[in-house]
Protein backbone atom coordinates (compact mmCIF):
# COMPACT_ATOMS: atom_id res chain seq x y z
CA MET A 1 -175.14 13.93 -160.57
CA LYS A 2 -171.90 11.65 -160.53
CA ARG A 3 -170.01 14.17 -162.40
CA LEU A 4 -170.77 16.73 -159.57
CA VAL A 5 -169.88 14.10 -156.89
CA ILE A 6 -166.27 13.78 -157.94
CA PRO A 7 -165.07 17.29 -158.34
CA THR A 8 -166.56 17.96 -155.03
CA VAL A 9 -165.01 15.00 -153.02
CA LEU A 10 -161.81 15.95 -154.96
CA ALA A 11 -162.01 19.58 -153.72
CA ALA A 12 -162.95 18.39 -150.16
CA ALA A 13 -159.76 16.03 -150.40
CA VAL A 14 -157.69 18.97 -151.50
CA VAL A 15 -158.76 21.30 -148.71
CA LEU A 16 -158.29 18.97 -146.08
CA MET A 17 -154.94 18.04 -147.31
CA ALA A 18 -154.09 21.70 -147.03
CA SER A 19 -155.43 22.37 -143.61
CA SER A 20 -154.18 19.22 -142.17
CA ALA A 21 -150.59 20.58 -142.83
CA SER A 22 -151.32 22.92 -139.99
CA ALA A 23 -153.39 20.67 -137.98
CA THR A 24 -150.60 20.08 -135.34
CA GLY A 25 -150.81 21.82 -132.02
CA LEU A 26 -147.69 22.84 -130.17
CA LEU A 27 -146.86 22.75 -126.36
CA ILE A 28 -144.61 25.57 -125.60
CA PRO A 29 -142.92 25.69 -122.18
CA THR A 30 -143.01 29.08 -120.39
CA ASP A 31 -139.46 28.54 -119.73
CA ARG A 32 -138.29 29.85 -122.95
CA ASN A 33 -134.84 28.24 -122.57
CA LEU A 34 -136.75 25.03 -123.74
CA GLY A 35 -138.38 24.36 -127.18
CA PRO A 36 -141.76 22.96 -127.84
CA LEU A 37 -142.04 19.66 -126.29
CA ALA A 38 -141.93 16.50 -128.71
CA ILE A 39 -145.00 15.19 -130.21
CA LYS A 40 -144.98 11.34 -129.32
CA TYR A 41 -148.07 10.58 -130.97
CA HIS A 42 -150.51 12.40 -133.35
CA ARG A 43 -153.59 11.28 -134.95
CA ALA A 44 -156.31 13.16 -136.85
CA LYS A 45 -159.96 11.41 -137.63
CA VAL A 46 -161.98 13.51 -140.39
CA LYS A 47 -165.76 12.65 -140.76
CA ILE A 48 -167.86 14.72 -143.63
CA LYS A 49 -171.39 15.19 -142.93
CA ASP A 50 -173.86 17.34 -144.58
CA ARG A 51 -170.64 19.47 -146.25
CA VAL A 52 -169.15 19.62 -142.70
CA ALA A 53 -165.90 18.37 -141.85
CA VAL A 54 -165.65 17.22 -138.10
CA THR A 55 -161.84 16.64 -137.01
CA HIS A 56 -161.15 14.67 -133.88
CA VAL A 57 -157.51 15.20 -133.11
CA ASP A 58 -155.30 13.06 -130.38
CA GLN A 59 -151.98 14.45 -129.38
CA VAL A 60 -149.59 13.02 -126.65
CA PHE A 61 -146.53 15.01 -126.08
CA VAL A 62 -143.49 13.99 -124.05
CA ASN A 63 -141.63 16.08 -121.08
CA HIS A 64 -138.00 15.01 -121.53
CA THR A 65 -137.33 17.15 -118.38
CA ASN A 66 -136.94 16.11 -115.02
CA ARG A 67 -139.64 18.74 -113.82
CA ASP A 68 -142.94 19.51 -114.25
CA LEU A 69 -143.74 22.37 -116.73
CA GLU A 70 -146.10 25.11 -117.25
CA ALA A 71 -146.87 25.33 -121.17
CA THR A 72 -148.96 26.95 -123.59
CA TYR A 73 -151.01 24.95 -126.11
CA ILE A 74 -151.02 26.34 -129.24
CA PHE A 75 -153.66 24.76 -132.24
CA PRO A 76 -153.84 26.73 -135.29
CA LEU A 77 -157.35 26.21 -136.92
CA PRO A 78 -158.44 27.14 -140.53
CA LYS A 79 -160.40 30.14 -141.20
CA GLY A 80 -164.05 29.41 -140.24
CA ALA A 81 -163.40 26.89 -138.02
CA THR A 82 -164.40 26.11 -134.38
CA VAL A 83 -163.61 23.90 -131.49
CA SER A 84 -166.59 22.13 -129.68
CA ASP A 85 -164.51 19.98 -126.96
CA PHE A 86 -161.14 20.08 -125.59
CA TYR A 87 -159.87 17.63 -123.08
CA LEU A 88 -156.44 17.34 -121.46
CA TYR A 89 -154.99 14.03 -119.84
CA VAL A 90 -152.20 14.39 -117.50
CA ASN A 91 -150.91 11.16 -115.73
CA GLY A 92 -154.04 9.36 -116.97
CA LYS A 93 -156.73 11.93 -115.54
CA ARG A 94 -159.01 13.68 -117.99
CA THR A 95 -159.65 17.20 -117.40
CA LYS A 96 -162.43 18.85 -119.67
CA GLY A 97 -161.19 22.33 -121.17
CA GLU A 98 -163.53 25.31 -121.31
CA ILE A 99 -163.09 27.55 -124.55
CA LEU A 100 -163.14 31.21 -123.38
CA GLU A 101 -161.96 34.23 -125.10
CA LYS A 102 -158.38 34.60 -124.62
CA ASN A 103 -158.42 37.71 -122.61
CA ARG A 104 -161.05 36.43 -120.33
CA ALA A 105 -159.08 32.98 -119.85
CA ARG A 106 -155.75 35.05 -119.29
CA ASN A 107 -157.75 37.07 -116.37
CA ILE A 108 -158.77 33.84 -114.88
CA TYR A 109 -155.66 32.10 -115.02
CA GLU A 110 -153.65 34.98 -113.55
CA GLY A 111 -156.32 35.80 -110.80
């Protein structure tokens, strides 16, 4: 059994390292003259339970402009991954995100 555990743990570590390279979200302003907002802080915590990896990602972005911005948050997910919760903090106020199909979300937003 010990011989099986080590390769499994190593394989999981390799998969996590490979997928963590793309585990950075981007906040892209709708004003195309501006590039993606700078990431001030990025932390990812991974817990593995019953062969399932649960990842918690915290990111803080900095708006270096002197105005409010509208932006799109892009977070690439590996194949087979899902999002279970999403929260946004603006000036310390927490807002729970609702996960919707892309076209439905756009229709609601554009009203």
